[in-house]
Amino acid sequence: MIEPTPETPVDPGNPSPPGSDSQAHSEAPSNGDAPPPPDAPAGPSAAELAQMVDALRIQLASAEKTRDEYLELARAGRREFESYQQRARREAEAERRYAQMPLAKDLLPVLDNLERAILAAKQSNDHSPLAQGVAMVVTMLHETLRRHGITRIEAENQPFDANLHEAVMQQPHADLPPHTVVQVLESGYLMHDRVLRPARVVVSTQ
C-alpha cells in the first residue's frame, strides 16, 4: 500500500508554486540570444543626388529671375516717381514764374494810354508839370514791369516774326527789305520767355 505524499504548504505572501522562479529564469532568453537590429536604410544613389542638385539649381534660377523682375519693377517705379517729382517742380516753378501774367495784361492798356498822352504832349509842345509827371509815371511803370521780367518787344526795323509780331497792314518801302517792320502801332511785351502781347505792326512789301 502506497502512502500519499504530503503537500507542501503555500506561502500566502508568495502564491507561486515552488520552483516557479527558477523555471522563469531558466526560460528568459540570455543577452547572447537577442535578435539583431534591423538593417539601416540605404542612402540615395549618385544619380539621385545629381537629379536633386539639378532641381535645386532650377529652383534657384527661377527665384533669381523673380527677384530680378521685382527689382526692375521697383527701379521703374522709382524712375517714374522721380520724373513725376521733376515735372511737378517744373510746373510749380512755371506757375510761380508766370503767376502775374493776367495782372500784367490788364496793366498794358493803361500804359498804352499814358504813352499816347506823352506823345500828344510832345506833338503839341506841352512841357507842363502835368506832362512831365505823366512821363515820370510811365518811366516808373516800365521799371516796375522790368523787375518782374516784363520787357518791351523791340520791333521797328526788325524782320517780321509771327511769334512776336501781329501784322496789321502792309506798306511798300523803298529803303527796307520786304517783310520788315516799318511802324509799330501798339507795343508788344514779353514776360520772361513768353509773349505777353504781340506787337501790332506795319510790314514792308516789295
N, C-alpha and C. Protein backbone atom coordinates (compact mmCIF):
# COMPACT_ATOMS: atom_id res chain seq x y z
N MET A 1 0.86 -1.17 0.00
CA MET A 1 0.00 0.00 0.00
C MET A 1 0.88 1.21 0.00
N ILE A 2 0.61 2.25 -0.99
CA ILE A 2 1.45 3.47 -1.14
C ILE A 2 0.84 4.56 -0.33
N GLU A 3 1.70 5.19 0.41
CA GLU A 3 1.20 6.29 1.24
C GLU A 3 1.21 7.58 0.43
N PRO A 4 0.23 8.46 0.59
CA PRO A 4 0.17 9.74 -0.16
C PRO A 4 1.25 10.68 0.29
N THR A 5 1.79 11.41 -0.76
CA THR A 5 2.86 12.40 -0.48
C THR A 5 2.25 13.63 0.13
N PRO A 6 2.80 14.05 1.23
CA PRO A 6 2.20 15.25 1.87
C PRO A 6 2.45 16.49 1.01
N GLU A 7 1.41 17.39 0.86
CA GLU A 7 1.53 18.62 0.04
C GLU A 7 2.30 19.69 0.79
N THR A 8 3.07 20.38 0.03
CA THR A 8 3.85 21.48 0.62
C THR A 8 2.94 22.65 0.85
N PRO A 9 3.00 23.22 2.03
CA PRO A 9 2.10 24.35 2.31
C PRO A 9 2.47 25.57 1.45
N VAL A 10 1.44 26.32 0.99
CA VAL A 10 1.62 27.52 0.12
C VAL A 10 1.75 28.74 0.99
N ASP A 11 2.82 29.53 0.71
CA ASP A 11 3.03 30.78 1.45
C ASP A 11 2.04 31.81 0.94
N PRO A 12 1.25 32.39 1.87
CA PRO A 12 0.27 33.39 1.40
C PRO A 12 0.93 34.59 0.75
N GLY A 13 2.12 35.00 1.13
CA GLY A 13 2.79 36.15 0.51
C GLY A 13 3.41 35.83 -0.81
N ASN A 14 3.56 34.56 -1.16
CA ASN A 14 4.15 34.17 -2.44
C ASN A 14 3.31 33.05 -3.00
N PRO A 15 2.27 33.40 -3.76
CA PRO A 15 1.35 32.37 -4.21
C PRO A 15 1.93 31.46 -5.27
N SER A 16 3.08 31.85 -5.84
CA SER A 16 3.63 31.00 -6.91
C SER A 16 4.07 29.68 -6.32
N PRO A 17 3.86 28.67 -7.04
CA PRO A 17 4.26 27.35 -6.55
C PRO A 17 5.75 27.24 -6.49
N PRO A 18 6.21 26.38 -5.65
CA PRO A 18 7.65 26.24 -5.52
C PRO A 18 8.28 25.86 -6.85
N GLY A 19 9.46 26.50 -7.08
CA GLY A 19 10.19 26.20 -8.31
C GLY A 19 9.81 27.05 -9.48
N SER A 20 8.76 27.91 -9.32
CA SER A 20 8.33 28.73 -10.47
C SER A 20 9.37 29.77 -10.82
N ASP A 21 10.06 30.36 -9.80
CA ASP A 21 11.07 31.40 -10.10
C ASP A 21 12.23 30.83 -10.88
N SER A 22 12.69 29.72 -10.49
CA SER A 22 13.81 29.11 -11.20
C SER A 22 13.43 28.73 -12.60
N GLN A 23 12.13 28.33 -12.76
CA GLN A 23 11.67 27.96 -14.11
C GLN A 23 11.58 29.18 -15.00
N ALA A 24 11.12 30.34 -14.40
CA ALA A 24 11.02 31.55 -15.20
C ALA A 24 12.39 32.04 -15.63
N HIS A 25 13.34 31.95 -14.68
CA HIS A 25 14.69 32.39 -15.04
C HIS A 25 15.29 31.49 -16.08
N SER A 26 14.96 30.25 -16.01
CA SER A 26 15.55 29.35 -17.00
C SER A 26 14.96 29.57 -18.37
N GLU A 27 13.66 30.06 -18.41
CA GLU A 27 13.02 30.26 -19.71
C GLU A 27 13.38 31.62 -20.33
N ALA A 28 13.86 32.68 -19.57
CA ALA A 28 14.18 34.00 -20.12
C ALA A 28 15.39 33.89 -21.04
N PRO A 29 15.36 34.50 -22.17
CA PRO A 29 16.49 34.42 -23.10
C PRO A 29 17.67 35.19 -22.56
N SER A 30 18.83 34.76 -22.88
CA SER A 30 20.06 35.44 -22.47
C SER A 30 20.39 36.52 -23.47
N ASN A 31 21.33 37.40 -23.09
CA ASN A 31 21.72 38.51 -23.97
C ASN A 31 22.33 38.00 -25.26
N GLY A 32 22.98 36.92 -25.16
CA GLY A 32 23.60 36.39 -26.38
C GLY A 32 22.59 35.89 -27.38
N ASP A 33 21.37 35.65 -26.97
CA ASP A 33 20.34 35.16 -27.89
C ASP A 33 19.42 36.26 -28.41
N ALA A 34 19.70 37.61 -28.13
CA ALA A 34 18.81 38.72 -28.57
C ALA A 34 18.84 38.82 -30.09
N PRO A 35 17.70 39.17 -30.74
CA PRO A 35 17.65 39.27 -32.21
C PRO A 35 18.47 40.45 -32.68
N PRO A 36 19.09 40.41 -33.85
CA PRO A 36 19.92 41.52 -34.37
C PRO A 36 19.04 42.70 -34.79
N PRO A 37 19.55 43.98 -34.68
CA PRO A 37 18.77 45.16 -35.09
C PRO A 37 18.53 45.15 -36.59
N PRO A 38 17.44 45.79 -37.04
CA PRO A 38 17.16 45.84 -38.48
C PRO A 38 18.23 46.64 -39.22
N ASP A 39 18.42 46.31 -40.51
CA ASP A 39 19.43 46.99 -41.32
C ASP A 39 19.03 48.45 -41.55
N ALA A 40 19.99 49.44 -41.51
CA ALA A 40 19.74 50.86 -41.79
C ALA A 40 19.37 51.03 -43.27
N PRO A 41 18.45 51.99 -43.57
CA PRO A 41 18.06 52.20 -44.98
C PRO A 41 19.24 52.71 -45.79
N ALA A 42 19.31 52.31 -47.02
CA ALA A 42 20.41 52.72 -47.91
C ALA A 42 20.22 54.17 -48.34
N GLY A 43 21.29 55.02 -48.48
CA GLY A 43 21.22 56.42 -48.91
C GLY A 43 20.95 56.53 -50.40
N PRO A 44 20.65 57.81 -50.87
CA PRO A 44 20.38 57.99 -52.31
C PRO A 44 21.62 57.70 -53.12
N SER A 45 21.37 57.29 -54.32
CA SER A 45 22.47 56.97 -55.22
C SER A 45 23.04 58.25 -55.82
N ALA A 46 24.15 58.13 -56.53
CA ALA A 46 24.78 59.29 -57.15
C ALA A 46 23.87 59.93 -58.20
N ALA A 47 23.14 59.10 -58.94
CA ALA A 47 22.23 59.63 -59.95
C ALA A 47 21.11 60.43 -59.29
N GLU A 48 20.58 59.90 -58.17
CA GLU A 48 19.53 60.63 -57.46
C GLU A 48 20.05 61.95 -56.90
N LEU A 49 21.26 61.95 -56.36
CA LEU A 49 21.85 63.18 -55.87
C LEU A 49 22.01 64.21 -56.98
N ALA A 50 22.44 63.76 -58.16
CA ALA A 50 22.60 64.66 -59.29
C ALA A 50 21.26 65.26 -59.70
N GLN A 51 20.21 64.45 -59.69
CA GLN A 51 18.88 64.96 -60.01
C GLN A 51 18.43 66.00 -58.99
N MET A 52 18.70 65.72 -57.71
CA MET A 52 18.32 66.68 -56.66
C MET A 52 19.07 68.00 -56.84
N VAL A 53 20.35 67.93 -57.18
CA VAL A 53 21.14 69.15 -57.39
C VAL A 53 20.60 69.93 -58.59
N ASP A 54 20.27 69.22 -59.67
CA ASP A 54 19.71 69.90 -60.85
C ASP A 54 18.39 70.59 -60.50
N ALA A 55 17.54 69.90 -59.72
CA ALA A 55 16.26 70.51 -59.33
C ALA A 55 16.48 71.75 -58.49
N LEU A 56 17.45 71.71 -57.57
CA LEU A 56 17.75 72.88 -56.75
C LEU A 56 18.28 74.03 -57.59
N ARG A 57 19.10 73.70 -58.60
CA ARG A 57 19.61 74.75 -59.48
C ARG A 57 18.48 75.41 -60.26
N ILE A 58 17.54 74.62 -60.73
CA ILE A 58 16.39 75.18 -61.45
C ILE A 58 15.57 76.08 -60.55
N GLN A 59 15.33 75.65 -59.30
CA GLN A 59 14.58 76.48 -58.36
C GLN A 59 15.33 77.78 -58.06
N LEU A 60 16.66 77.68 -57.92
CA LEU A 60 17.45 78.88 -57.64
C LEU A 60 17.39 79.85 -58.82
N ALA A 61 17.50 79.32 -60.03
CA ALA A 61 17.44 80.18 -61.21
C ALA A 61 16.08 80.87 -61.31
N SER A 62 15.01 80.12 -61.01
CA SER A 62 13.67 80.71 -61.04
C SER A 62 13.52 81.80 -59.98
N ALA A 63 14.06 81.55 -58.79
CA ALA A 63 13.98 82.55 -57.72
C ALA A 63 14.77 83.80 -58.09
N GLU A 64 15.95 83.63 -58.71
CA GLU A 64 16.75 84.78 -59.11
C GLU A 64 16.03 85.58 -60.21
N LYS A 65 15.39 84.89 -61.13
CA LYS A 65 14.65 85.59 -62.18
C LYS A 65 13.51 86.40 -61.59
N THR A 66 12.77 85.80 -60.64
CA THR A 66 11.67 86.53 -59.99
C THR A 66 12.20 87.73 -59.24
N ARG A 67 13.35 87.53 -58.55
CA ARG A 67 13.95 88.65 -57.82
C ARG A 67 14.31 89.79 -58.76
N ASP A 68 14.94 89.46 -59.91
CA ASP A 68 15.33 90.48 -60.87
C ASP A 68 14.12 91.22 -61.43
N GLU A 69 13.03 90.49 -61.65
CA GLU A 69 11.82 91.14 -62.17
C GLU A 69 11.27 92.13 -61.17
N TYR A 70 11.22 91.74 -59.90
CA TYR A 70 10.72 92.66 -58.87
C TYR A 70 11.65 93.86 -58.69
N LEU A 71 12.96 93.62 -58.79
CA LEU A 71 13.90 94.73 -58.68
C LEU A 71 13.72 95.72 -59.83
N GLU A 72 13.50 95.19 -61.04
CA GLU A 72 13.29 96.07 -62.19
C GLU A 72 12.00 96.86 -62.05
N LEU A 73 10.95 96.20 -61.53
CA LEU A 73 9.70 96.92 -61.27
C LEU A 73 9.92 98.03 -60.26
N ALA A 74 10.68 97.74 -59.21
CA ALA A 74 10.95 98.76 -58.20
C ALA A 74 11.74 99.92 -58.79
N ARG A 75 12.75 99.61 -59.62
CA ARG A 75 13.54 100.67 -60.24
C ARG A 75 12.67 101.52 -61.17
N ALA A 76 11.81 100.84 -61.96
CA ALA A 76 10.93 101.58 -62.87
C ALA A 76 9.99 102.48 -62.10
N GLY A 77 9.45 101.97 -60.99
CA GLY A 77 8.57 102.79 -60.17
C GLY A 77 9.30 103.99 -59.59
N ARG A 78 10.55 103.78 -59.18
CA ARG A 78 11.33 104.89 -58.63
C ARG A 78 11.63 105.92 -59.71
N ARG A 79 12.00 105.46 -60.93
CA ARG A 79 12.26 106.40 -62.01
C ARG A 79 11.01 107.20 -62.35
N GLU A 80 9.88 106.53 -62.39
CA GLU A 80 8.63 107.22 -62.70
C GLU A 80 8.29 108.25 -61.63
N PHE A 81 8.52 107.89 -60.36
CA PHE A 81 8.23 108.82 -59.27
C PHE A 81 9.17 110.03 -59.32
N GLU A 82 10.46 109.79 -59.62
CA GLU A 82 11.39 110.90 -59.73
C GLU A 82 11.03 111.80 -60.90
N SER A 83 10.60 111.20 -62.02
CA SER A 83 10.16 112.00 -63.16
C SER A 83 8.94 112.84 -62.80
N TYR A 84 8.01 112.23 -62.05
CA TYR A 84 6.83 112.99 -61.61
C TYR A 84 7.24 114.15 -60.71
N GLN A 85 8.18 113.92 -59.80
CA GLN A 85 8.63 115.00 -58.91
C GLN A 85 9.25 116.14 -59.70
N GLN A 86 10.10 115.80 -60.69
CA GLN A 86 10.72 116.84 -61.50
C GLN A 86 9.67 117.62 -62.30
N ARG A 87 8.70 116.89 -62.87
CA ARG A 87 7.65 117.55 -63.64
C ARG A 87 6.81 118.46 -62.74
N ALA A 88 6.52 117.97 -61.53
CA ALA A 88 5.75 118.78 -60.59
C ALA A 88 6.51 120.04 -60.18
N ARG A 89 7.85 119.90 -59.99
CA ARG A 89 8.65 121.08 -59.64
C ARG A 89 8.67 122.09 -60.79
N ARG A 90 8.81 121.57 -62.04
CA ARG A 90 8.81 122.48 -63.18
C ARG A 90 7.48 123.21 -63.31
N GLU A 91 6.39 122.48 -63.13
CA GLU A 91 5.07 123.10 -63.24
C GLU A 91 4.86 124.13 -62.14
N ALA A 92 5.31 123.80 -60.93
CA ALA A 92 5.17 124.76 -59.82
C ALA A 92 6.01 126.00 -60.07
N GLU A 93 7.24 125.81 -60.60
CA GLU A 93 8.09 126.94 -60.91
C GLU A 93 7.49 127.80 -62.02
N ALA A 94 6.94 127.15 -63.05
CA ALA A 94 6.31 127.91 -64.14
C ALA A 94 5.08 128.66 -63.63
N GLU A 95 4.31 128.02 -62.78
CA GLU A 95 3.13 128.70 -62.23
C GLU A 95 3.53 129.92 -61.41
N ARG A 96 4.60 129.76 -60.62
CA ARG A 96 5.06 130.90 -59.83
C ARG A 96 5.65 131.98 -60.72
N ARG A 97 6.39 131.55 -61.76
CA ARG A 97 7.09 132.50 -62.63
C ARG A 97 6.12 133.35 -63.45
N TYR A 98 5.01 132.72 -63.87
CA TYR A 98 4.07 133.43 -64.73
C TYR A 98 2.74 133.73 -64.03
N ALA A 99 2.76 133.74 -62.71
CA ALA A 99 1.52 133.95 -61.96
C ALA A 99 0.94 135.35 -62.18
N GLN A 100 1.80 136.33 -62.52
CA GLN A 100 1.34 137.72 -62.65
C GLN A 100 0.95 138.09 -64.08
N MET A 101 0.88 137.11 -64.97
CA MET A 101 0.54 137.43 -66.36
C MET A 101 -0.83 138.09 -66.51
N PRO A 102 -1.88 137.61 -65.86
CA PRO A 102 -3.17 138.29 -66.01
C PRO A 102 -3.15 139.74 -65.56
N LEU A 103 -2.48 140.00 -64.43
CA LEU A 103 -2.37 141.38 -63.95
C LEU A 103 -1.58 142.24 -64.92
N ALA A 104 -0.47 141.68 -65.45
CA ALA A 104 0.34 142.45 -66.39
C ALA A 104 -0.45 142.77 -67.65
N LYS A 105 -1.22 141.82 -68.15
CA LYS A 105 -2.03 142.09 -69.34
C LYS A 105 -3.04 143.21 -69.09
N ASP A 106 -3.59 143.24 -67.91
CA ASP A 106 -4.56 144.29 -67.59
C ASP A 106 -3.89 145.66 -67.46
N LEU A 107 -2.60 145.69 -67.11
CA LEU A 107 -1.90 146.95 -66.97
C LEU A 107 -1.45 147.53 -68.30
N LEU A 108 -1.28 146.69 -69.31
CA LEU A 108 -0.76 147.18 -70.59
C LEU A 108 -1.64 148.25 -71.24
N PRO A 109 -2.96 148.11 -71.28
CA PRO A 109 -3.77 149.19 -71.86
C PRO A 109 -3.61 150.52 -71.10
N VAL A 110 -3.43 150.46 -69.79
CA VAL A 110 -3.19 151.69 -69.02
C VAL A 110 -1.88 152.33 -69.46
N LEU A 111 -0.85 151.49 -69.61
CA LEU A 111 0.44 152.00 -70.05
C LEU A 111 0.34 152.58 -71.46
N ASP A 112 -0.44 151.94 -72.33
CA ASP A 112 -0.61 152.45 -73.70
C ASP A 112 -1.23 153.85 -73.67
N ASN A 113 -2.25 154.06 -72.87
CA ASN A 113 -2.91 155.37 -72.81
C ASN A 113 -1.98 156.44 -72.25
N LEU A 114 -1.16 156.08 -71.26
CA LEU A 114 -0.21 157.05 -70.73
C LEU A 114 0.82 157.43 -71.79
N GLU A 115 1.29 156.46 -72.56
CA GLU A 115 2.26 156.76 -73.62
C GLU A 115 1.62 157.60 -74.72
N ARG A 116 0.35 157.38 -75.01
CA ARG A 116 -0.33 158.21 -76.01
C ARG A 116 -0.44 159.65 -75.49
N ALA A 117 -0.67 159.77 -74.20
CA ALA A 117 -0.76 161.12 -73.63
C ALA A 117 0.59 161.83 -73.74
N ILE A 118 1.68 161.11 -73.49
CA ILE A 118 3.01 161.72 -73.62
C ILE A 118 3.27 162.11 -75.07
N LEU A 119 2.89 161.23 -76.02
CA LEU A 119 3.10 161.54 -77.44
C LEU A 119 2.30 162.76 -77.85
N ALA A 120 1.08 162.85 -77.37
CA ALA A 120 0.27 164.03 -77.70
C ALA A 120 0.87 165.29 -77.10
N ALA A 121 1.43 165.19 -75.90
CA ALA A 121 2.05 166.37 -75.28
C ALA A 121 3.27 166.81 -76.08
N LYS A 122 4.08 165.88 -76.57
CA LYS A 122 5.24 166.23 -77.36
C LYS A 122 4.83 166.89 -78.67
N GLN A 123 3.79 166.35 -79.30
CA GLN A 123 3.35 166.92 -80.58
C GLN A 123 2.81 168.34 -80.41
N SER A 124 2.28 168.63 -79.26
CA SER A 124 1.74 169.98 -79.01
C SER A 124 2.72 170.85 -78.23
N ASN A 125 3.97 170.37 -78.07
CA ASN A 125 4.99 171.12 -77.34
C ASN A 125 4.53 171.46 -75.92
N ASP A 126 3.87 170.50 -75.30
CA ASP A 126 3.39 170.71 -73.93
C ASP A 126 4.47 170.23 -72.97
N HIS A 127 5.05 171.16 -72.24
CA HIS A 127 6.08 170.84 -71.26
C HIS A 127 5.61 171.19 -69.85
N SER A 128 4.34 171.11 -69.68
CA SER A 128 3.77 171.46 -68.38
C SER A 128 4.17 170.42 -67.33
N PRO A 129 4.06 170.78 -66.03
CA PRO A 129 4.35 169.81 -64.96
C PRO A 129 3.49 168.55 -65.06
N LEU A 130 2.26 168.72 -65.55
CA LEU A 130 1.42 167.54 -65.70
C LEU A 130 2.00 166.58 -66.72
N ALA A 131 2.43 167.07 -67.86
CA ALA A 131 3.02 166.22 -68.89
C ALA A 131 4.30 165.57 -68.38
N GLN A 132 5.12 166.36 -67.66
CA GLN A 132 6.34 165.79 -67.09
C GLN A 132 6.02 164.73 -66.03
N GLY A 133 4.97 164.96 -65.25
CA GLY A 133 4.58 163.97 -64.25
C GLY A 133 4.11 162.67 -64.88
N VAL A 134 3.36 162.78 -65.99
CA VAL A 134 2.90 161.57 -66.68
C VAL A 134 4.10 160.80 -67.23
N ALA A 135 5.09 161.54 -67.76
CA ALA A 135 6.29 160.87 -68.29
C ALA A 135 7.04 160.14 -67.17
N MET A 136 7.10 160.76 -65.99
CA MET A 136 7.75 160.09 -64.86
C MET A 136 7.01 158.83 -64.46
N VAL A 137 5.69 158.88 -64.46
CA VAL A 137 4.89 157.71 -64.10
C VAL A 137 5.13 156.57 -65.09
N VAL A 138 5.20 156.90 -66.38
CA VAL A 138 5.45 155.88 -67.40
C VAL A 138 6.82 155.25 -67.19
N THR A 139 7.84 156.08 -66.89
CA THR A 139 9.18 155.54 -66.65
C THR A 139 9.19 154.61 -65.44
N MET A 140 8.55 155.01 -64.35
CA MET A 140 8.49 154.17 -63.16
C MET A 140 7.73 152.87 -63.43
N LEU A 141 6.68 152.96 -64.22
CA LEU A 141 5.89 151.77 -64.53
C LEU A 141 6.71 150.78 -65.36
N HIS A 142 7.49 151.28 -66.31
CA HIS A 142 8.35 150.40 -67.10
C HIS A 142 9.40 149.73 -66.21
N GLU A 143 9.98 150.47 -65.29
CA GLU A 143 10.97 149.89 -64.38
C GLU A 143 10.35 148.82 -63.48
N THR A 144 9.14 149.07 -63.03
CA THR A 144 8.45 148.07 -62.19
C THR A 144 8.17 146.80 -62.97
N LEU A 145 7.70 146.96 -64.21
CA LEU A 145 7.43 145.79 -65.04
C LEU A 145 8.72 145.02 -65.33
N ARG A 146 9.82 145.75 -65.54
CA ARG A 146 11.09 145.10 -65.84
C ARG A 146 11.57 144.25 -64.66
N ARG A 147 11.34 144.71 -63.46
CA ARG A 147 11.74 143.94 -62.27
C ARG A 147 10.98 142.62 -62.19
N HIS A 148 9.83 142.55 -62.79
CA HIS A 148 9.03 141.32 -62.80
C HIS A 148 9.19 140.55 -64.11
N GLY A 149 10.22 140.88 -64.87
CA GLY A 149 10.52 140.12 -66.09
C GLY A 149 9.70 140.52 -67.29
N ILE A 150 9.08 141.70 -67.27
CA ILE A 150 8.24 142.15 -68.38
C ILE A 150 9.00 143.22 -69.14
N THR A 151 9.26 142.96 -70.42
CA THR A 151 10.04 143.88 -71.25
C THR A 151 9.33 144.13 -72.57
N ARG A 152 9.64 145.29 -73.15
CA ARG A 152 9.05 145.66 -74.42
C ARG A 152 9.72 144.89 -75.56
N ILE A 153 8.94 144.49 -76.56
CA ILE A 153 9.47 143.82 -77.76
C ILE A 153 9.95 144.91 -78.72
N GLU A 154 11.25 144.89 -79.02
CA GLU A 154 11.80 145.84 -79.98
C GLU A 154 11.48 145.34 -81.39
N ALA A 155 10.59 146.04 -82.07
CA ALA A 155 10.08 145.55 -83.35
C ALA A 155 10.43 146.42 -84.54
N GLU A 156 10.55 147.71 -84.37
CA GLU A 156 10.73 148.61 -85.50
C GLU A 156 12.05 148.32 -86.22
N ASN A 157 11.95 148.24 -87.55
CA ASN A 157 13.09 147.94 -88.44
C ASN A 157 13.65 146.53 -88.22
N GLN A 158 12.90 145.68 -87.58
CA GLN A 158 13.31 144.30 -87.37
C GLN A 158 12.56 143.40 -88.37
N PRO A 159 13.15 142.26 -88.76
CA PRO A 159 12.42 141.32 -89.62
C PRO A 159 11.13 140.87 -88.94
N PHE A 160 10.10 140.72 -89.75
CA PHE A 160 8.81 140.32 -89.19
C PHE A 160 8.90 138.90 -88.63
N ASP A 161 8.43 138.73 -87.40
CA ASP A 161 8.42 137.42 -86.72
C ASP A 161 6.99 137.17 -86.25
N ALA A 162 6.36 136.17 -86.85
CA ALA A 162 4.97 135.89 -86.50
C ALA A 162 4.79 135.50 -85.04
N ASN A 163 5.87 135.05 -84.39
CA ASN A 163 5.77 134.70 -82.98
C ASN A 163 5.75 135.94 -82.07
N LEU A 164 6.28 137.06 -82.58
CA LEU A 164 6.38 138.27 -81.77
C LEU A 164 5.52 139.41 -82.28
N HIS A 165 5.19 139.36 -83.57
CA HIS A 165 4.51 140.50 -84.19
C HIS A 165 3.16 140.08 -84.75
N GLU A 166 2.27 141.05 -84.81
CA GLU A 166 0.97 140.87 -85.46
C GLU A 166 0.86 141.92 -86.56
N ALA A 167 0.87 141.45 -87.80
CA ALA A 167 0.83 142.38 -88.93
C ALA A 167 -0.58 142.93 -89.11
N VAL A 168 -0.70 144.23 -89.00
CA VAL A 168 -2.00 144.88 -89.15
C VAL A 168 -2.21 145.30 -90.61
N MET A 169 -1.14 145.77 -91.25
CA MET A 169 -1.22 146.18 -92.66
C MET A 169 0.16 146.06 -93.29
N GLN A 170 0.20 146.15 -94.62
CA GLN A 170 1.44 146.13 -95.37
C GLN A 170 1.62 147.46 -96.09
N GLN A 171 2.88 147.82 -96.28
CA GLN A 171 3.17 149.13 -96.88
C GLN A 171 4.46 149.03 -97.68
N PRO A 172 4.45 149.46 -98.93
CA PRO A 172 5.69 149.47 -99.72
C PRO A 172 6.71 150.43 -99.10
N HIS A 173 7.97 149.99 -99.13
CA HIS A 173 9.03 150.82 -98.54
C HIS A 173 10.30 150.59 -99.35
N ALA A 174 10.84 151.67 -99.89
CA ALA A 174 12.00 151.54 -100.78
C ALA A 174 13.29 151.31 -100.02
N ASP A 175 13.37 151.77 -98.79
CA ASP A 175 14.63 151.69 -98.04
C ASP A 175 14.75 150.43 -97.18
N LEU A 176 13.72 149.62 -97.09
CA LEU A 176 13.74 148.44 -96.24
C LEU A 176 13.44 147.20 -97.08
N PRO A 177 14.05 146.07 -96.72
CA PRO A 177 13.73 144.83 -97.45
C PRO A 177 12.30 144.38 -97.12
N PRO A 178 11.75 143.53 -97.96
CA PRO A 178 10.39 143.06 -97.68
C PRO A 178 10.31 142.33 -96.33
N HIS A 179 9.12 142.33 -95.79
CA HIS A 179 8.82 141.65 -94.53
C HIS A 179 9.64 142.22 -93.37
N THR A 180 9.76 143.55 -93.40
CA THR A 180 10.41 144.26 -92.31
C THR A 180 9.37 145.16 -91.63
N VAL A 181 9.50 145.27 -90.32
CA VAL A 181 8.55 146.09 -89.57
C VAL A 181 8.86 147.56 -89.85
N VAL A 182 7.90 148.24 -90.45
CA VAL A 182 8.06 149.66 -90.79
C VAL A 182 7.64 150.55 -89.63
N GLN A 183 6.55 150.20 -88.99
CA GLN A 183 6.00 151.05 -87.93
C GLN A 183 5.33 150.17 -86.88
N VAL A 184 5.45 150.58 -85.62
CA VAL A 184 4.81 149.89 -84.51
C VAL A 184 3.57 150.68 -84.12
N LEU A 185 2.42 150.06 -84.28
CA LEU A 185 1.17 150.72 -83.91
C LEU A 185 0.83 150.51 -82.43
N GLU A 186 1.21 149.37 -81.90
CA GLU A 186 0.97 149.10 -80.48
C GLU A 186 2.11 148.21 -79.98
N SER A 187 2.76 148.65 -78.94
CA SER A 187 3.95 147.93 -78.45
C SER A 187 3.56 146.54 -77.94
N GLY A 188 4.48 145.60 -78.18
CA GLY A 188 4.32 144.26 -77.64
C GLY A 188 5.24 144.05 -76.45
N TYR A 189 4.93 143.03 -75.64
CA TYR A 189 5.70 142.80 -74.43
C TYR A 189 5.93 141.30 -74.22
N LEU A 190 7.07 141.00 -73.62
CA LEU A 190 7.43 139.65 -73.20
C LEU A 190 7.42 139.57 -71.69
N MET A 191 6.99 138.42 -71.18
CA MET A 191 7.16 138.12 -69.76
C MET A 191 8.10 136.93 -69.67
N HIS A 192 9.33 137.22 -69.31
CA HIS A 192 10.41 136.24 -69.36
C HIS A 192 10.55 135.75 -70.81
N ASP A 193 10.22 134.50 -71.08
CA ASP A 193 10.37 134.00 -72.45
C ASP A 193 9.02 133.77 -73.13
N ARG A 194 7.96 134.28 -72.54
CA ARG A 194 6.63 134.12 -73.13
C ARG A 194 6.12 135.47 -73.64
N VAL A 195 5.36 135.39 -74.74
CA VAL A 195 4.78 136.61 -75.30
C VAL A 195 3.57 137.00 -74.47
N LEU A 196 3.69 138.16 -73.84
CA LEU A 196 2.56 138.67 -73.07
C LEU A 196 1.53 139.30 -74.01
N ARG A 197 2.04 140.03 -74.99
CA ARG A 197 1.19 140.60 -76.03
C ARG A 197 2.04 140.85 -77.26
N PRO A 198 1.64 140.38 -78.46
CA PRO A 198 2.44 140.65 -79.66
C PRO A 198 2.34 142.13 -80.05
N ALA A 199 3.38 142.58 -80.71
CA ALA A 199 3.38 143.96 -81.20
C ALA A 199 2.55 144.05 -82.47
N ARG A 200 1.69 145.03 -82.55
CA ARG A 200 0.88 145.26 -83.73
C ARG A 200 1.65 146.22 -84.64
N VAL A 201 1.96 145.72 -85.85
CA VAL A 201 2.94 146.43 -86.69
C VAL A 201 2.45 146.58 -88.13
N VAL A 202 3.18 147.46 -88.84
CA VAL A 202 3.04 147.62 -90.29
C VAL A 202 4.27 146.98 -90.92
N VAL A 203 4.06 146.15 -91.94
CA VAL A 203 5.16 145.38 -92.55
C VAL A 203 5.39 145.89 -93.98
N SER A 204 6.67 145.96 -94.35
CA SER A 204 7.03 146.43 -95.68
C SER A 204 6.78 145.34 -96.72
N THR A 205 6.52 145.80 -97.94
CA THR A 205 6.38 144.89 -99.08
C THR A 205 7.35 145.32 -100.15
N GLN A 206 7.43 144.53 -101.23
CA GLN A 206 8.33 144.87 -102.33
C GLN A 206 7.81 146.09 -103.10
